[in-house]
């Protein structure tokens, strides 16, 4: 079955950086649109960034210019480089895979916690 495993979360001071990784298995990674979403305490899950199979990207306005999503199809991995982190970036970050080929499934990882505080 499809598995998405996130890593790289942790605690960082405001202004710091973190790099999240999401390793996928059980799916044809290069055919998938991949995304990062986040959910802060008491709030709904929201889109952070997505990357299409061809490499085009999309970002939430709140992270534009600070976060970069990328993918390595040879390693079946998607990354989220997060710079200039702010306390409001504190959330559980989830990886998402949206299959653009049969069976057209949509999958989530279990999430990794990012805490930004001084």
C-alpha atoms as a PDB file:
ATOM      1  CA  UNK A   1       0.000   0.000   0.000  1.00  0.00           C
ATOM      2  CA  UNK A   2       0.983   3.640  -0.319  1.00  0.00           C
ATOM      3  CA  UNK A   3       3.036   5.037   2.530  1.00  0.00           C
ATOM      4  CA  UNK A   4       4.190   8.602   3.095  1.00  0.00           C
ATOM      5  CA  UNK A   5       6.704   9.167   5.859  1.00  0.00           C
ATOM      6  CA  UNK A   6       7.551  12.726   6.903  1.00  0.00           C
ATOM      7  CA  UNK A   7      10.699  13.735   8.739  1.00  0.00           C
ATOM      8  CA  UNK A   8      12.640  16.857   9.639  1.00  0.00           C
ATOM      9  CA  UNK A   9      10.274  18.564  12.031  1.00  0.00           C
ATOM     10  CA  UNK A  10      11.360  19.994  15.358  1.00  0.00           C
ATOM     11  CA  UNK A  11      11.833  23.162  17.345  1.00  0.00           C
ATOM     12  CA  UNK A  12      13.430  26.260  15.859  1.00  0.00           C
ATOM     13  CA  UNK A  13      13.720  29.884  16.883  1.00  0.00           C
ATOM     14  CA  UNK A  14      11.983  32.619  14.870  1.00  0.00           C
ATOM     15  CA  UNK A  15      14.017  33.451  11.802  1.00  0.00           C
ATOM     16  CA  UNK A  16      15.454  29.952  11.632  1.00  0.00           C
ATOM     17  CA  UNK A  17      15.186  27.255   8.988  1.00  0.00           C
ATOM     18  CA  UNK A  18      14.050  23.662   8.733  1.00  0.00           C
ATOM     19  CA  UNK A  19      13.872  21.186   5.876  1.00  0.00           C
ATOM     20  CA  UNK A  20      11.064  18.661   5.815  1.00  0.00           C
ATOM     21  CA  UNK A  21      11.243  15.457   3.800  1.00  0.00           C
ATOM     22  CA  UNK A  22       8.529  13.044   2.739  1.00  0.00           C
ATOM     23  CA  UNK A  23       9.489   9.633   1.441  1.00  0.00           C
ATOM     24  CA  UNK A  24       6.854   7.813  -0.616  1.00  0.00           C
ATOM     25  CA  UNK A  25       6.478   4.132  -1.319  1.00  0.00           C
ATOM     26  CA  UNK A  26       3.886   1.936  -2.985  1.00  0.00           C
ATOM     27  CA  UNK A  27       3.070   4.478  -5.688  1.00  0.00           C
ATOM     28  CA  UNK A  28       4.528   5.673  -8.987  1.00  0.00           C
ATOM     29  CA  UNK A  29       5.981   8.812  -7.462  1.00  0.00           C
ATOM     30  CA  UNK A  30       6.831  10.615 -10.684  1.00  0.00           C
ATOM     31  CA  UNK A  31       3.157  10.524 -11.730  1.00  0.00           C
ATOM     32  CA  UNK A  32       1.961  12.166  -8.524  1.00  0.00           C
ATOM     33  CA  UNK A  33       1.245  15.711  -7.581  1.00  0.00           C
ATOM     34  CA  UNK A  34       2.791  16.139  -4.134  1.00  0.00           C
ATOM     35  CA  UNK A  35       1.917  18.655  -1.500  1.00  0.00           C
ATOM     36  CA  UNK A  36       2.576  19.919   1.987  1.00  0.00           C
ATOM     37  CA  UNK A  37      -0.283  20.962   4.243  1.00  0.00           C
ATOM     38  CA  UNK A  38      -0.299  22.103   7.848  1.00  0.00           C
ATOM     39  CA  UNK A  39      -2.670  22.202  10.765  1.00  0.00           C
ATOM     40  CA  UNK A  40      -2.159  24.501  13.711  1.00  0.00           C
ATOM     41  CA  UNK A  41      -3.864  23.846  17.060  1.00  0.00           C
ATOM     42  CA  UNK A  42      -7.545  24.698  16.858  1.00  0.00           C
ATOM     43  CA  UNK A  43      -7.400  25.471  13.145  1.00  0.00           C
ATOM     44  CA  UNK A  44      -8.322  23.688   9.947  1.00  0.00           C
ATOM     45  CA  UNK A  45      -5.743  21.989   7.781  1.00  0.00           C
ATOM     46  CA  UNK A  46      -4.450  24.354   5.102  1.00  0.00           C
ATOM     47  CA  UNK A  47      -2.401  24.086   1.960  1.00  0.00           C
ATOM     48  CA  UNK A  48       1.232  25.170   2.220  1.00  0.00           C
ATOM     49  CA  UNK A  49       2.675  24.210  -1.172  1.00  0.00           C
ATOM     50  CA  UNK A  50       2.197  21.777  -4.031  1.00  0.00           C
ATOM     51  CA  UNK A  51       4.378  20.511  -6.845  1.00  0.00           C
ATOM     52  CA  UNK A  52       3.020  18.937 -10.000  1.00  0.00           C
ATOM     53  CA  UNK A  53       4.513  15.913 -11.768  1.00  0.00           C
ATOM     54  CA  UNK A  54       6.118  18.290 -14.253  1.00  0.00           C
ATOM     55  CA  UNK A  55       7.593  20.435 -11.503  1.00  0.00           C
ATOM     56  CA  UNK A  56       5.311  23.470 -11.458  1.00  0.00           C
ATOM     57  CA  UNK A  57       4.726  24.785  -7.967  1.00  0.00           C
ATOM     58  CA  UNK A  58       2.041  26.595  -6.002  1.00  0.00           C
ATOM     59  CA  UNK A  59       2.327  28.297  -2.603  1.00  0.00           C
ATOM     60  CA  UNK A  60       0.065  29.751   0.009  1.00  0.00           C
ATOM     61  CA  UNK A  61       0.442  33.524   0.162  1.00  0.00           C
ATOM     62  CA  UNK A  62       1.599  33.260   3.773  1.00  0.00           C
ATOM     63  CA  UNK A  63       4.723  31.286   2.820  1.00  0.00           C
ATOM     64  CA  UNK A  64       5.642  32.751  -0.580  1.00  0.00           C
ATOM     65  CA  UNK A  65       9.249  33.839  -0.673  1.00  0.00           C
ATOM     66  CA  UNK A  66      10.098  31.881   2.485  1.00  0.00           C
ATOM     67  CA  UNK A  67       9.289  28.240   1.672  1.00  0.00           C
ATOM     68  CA  UNK A  68      10.405  26.153  -1.295  1.00  0.00           C
ATOM     69  CA  UNK A  69       8.933  22.829  -2.341  1.00  0.00           C
ATOM     70  CA  UNK A  70      10.989  20.452  -4.467  1.00  0.00           C
ATOM     71  CA  UNK A  71      10.996  16.818  -5.489  1.00  0.00           C
ATOM     72  CA  UNK A  72      13.529  14.123  -6.311  1.00  0.00           C
ATOM     73  CA  UNK A  73      11.805  11.477  -8.400  1.00  0.00           C
ATOM     74  CA  UNK A  74      14.837   9.188  -8.217  1.00  0.00           C
ATOM     75  CA  UNK A  75      14.492   9.105  -4.433  1.00  0.00           C
ATOM     76  CA  UNK A  76      10.664   9.169  -4.337  1.00  0.00           C
ATOM     77  CA  UNK A  77      10.957  12.136  -1.998  1.00  0.00           C
ATOM     78  CA  UNK A  78       9.451  15.590  -1.751  1.00  0.00           C
ATOM     79  CA  UNK A  79      11.013  18.347   0.322  1.00  0.00           C
ATOM     80  CA  UNK A  80       9.906  21.573   1.952  1.00  0.00           C
ATOM     81  CA  UNK A  81      12.665  24.061   2.699  1.00  0.00           C
ATOM     82  CA  UNK A  82      11.370  26.529   5.257  1.00  0.00           C
ATOM     83  CA  UNK A  83      13.315  29.736   5.884  1.00  0.00           C
ATOM     84  CA  UNK A  84      12.599  32.830   7.951  1.00  0.00           C
ATOM     85  CA  UNK A  85      10.259  30.841  10.129  1.00  0.00           C
ATOM     86  CA  UNK A  86       7.684  32.664  12.213  1.00  0.00           C
ATOM     87  CA  UNK A  87       5.754  31.584  15.323  1.00  0.00           C
ATOM     88  CA  UNK A  88       2.621  31.407  13.188  1.00  0.00           C
ATOM     89  CA  UNK A  89       4.263  28.648  11.139  1.00  0.00           C
ATOM     90  CA  UNK A  90       3.944  26.372  14.172  1.00  0.00           C
ATOM     91  CA  UNK A  91       1.828  23.386  13.107  1.00  0.00           C
ATOM     92  CA  UNK A  92       1.805  19.733  12.255  1.00  0.00           C
ATOM     93  CA  UNK A  93       2.954  19.465   8.639  1.00  0.00           C
ATOM     94  CA  UNK A  94       1.444  16.728   6.485  1.00  0.00           C
ATOM     95  CA  UNK A  95       2.623  15.295   3.194  1.00  0.00           C
ATOM     96  CA  UNK A  96       0.020  14.547   0.527  1.00  0.00           C
ATOM     97  CA  UNK A  97       0.208  12.458  -2.640  1.00  0.00           C
ATOM     98  CA  UNK A  98      -2.382  12.885  -5.369  1.00  0.00           C
ATOM     99  CA  UNK A  99      -2.081  10.178  -8.001  1.00  0.00           C
ATOM    100  CA  UNK A 100      -2.557  11.410 -11.558  1.00  0.00           C
ATOM    101  CA  UNK A 101      -2.683   7.851 -12.897  1.00  0.00           C
ATOM    102  CA  UNK A 102      -4.574   4.685 -12.011  1.00  0.00           C
ATOM    103  CA  UNK A 103      -5.781   4.164  -9.291  1.00  0.00           C
ATOM    104  CA  UNK A 104      -6.025   7.974  -8.817  1.00  0.00           C
ATOM    105  CA  UNK A 105      -5.753   7.694  -5.051  1.00  0.00           C
ATOM    106  CA  UNK A 106      -5.099  10.470  -2.551  1.00  0.00           C
ATOM    107  CA  UNK A 107      -2.923   9.755   0.451  1.00  0.00           C
ATOM    108  CA  UNK A 108      -1.663  11.449   3.612  1.00  0.00           C
ATOM    109  CA  UNK A 109       1.306  10.978   5.862  1.00  0.00           C
ATOM    110  CA  UNK A 110       1.007  11.012   9.645  1.00  0.00           C
ATOM    111  CA  UNK A 111       2.577  14.433   9.984  1.00  0.00           C
ATOM    112  CA  UNK A 112       5.617  16.022  11.588  1.00  0.00           C
ATOM    113  CA  UNK A 113       5.469  18.774  14.198  1.00  0.00           C
ATOM    114  CA  UNK A 114       7.183  22.103  13.598  1.00  0.00           C
ATOM    115  CA  UNK A 115       7.429  24.470  16.562  1.00  0.00           C
ATOM    116  CA  UNK A 116       8.712  28.008  16.106  1.00  0.00           C
ATOM    117  CA  UNK A 117       9.298  29.842  19.360  1.00  0.00           C
ATOM    118  CA  UNK A 118      11.917  31.662  21.336  1.00  0.00           C
END
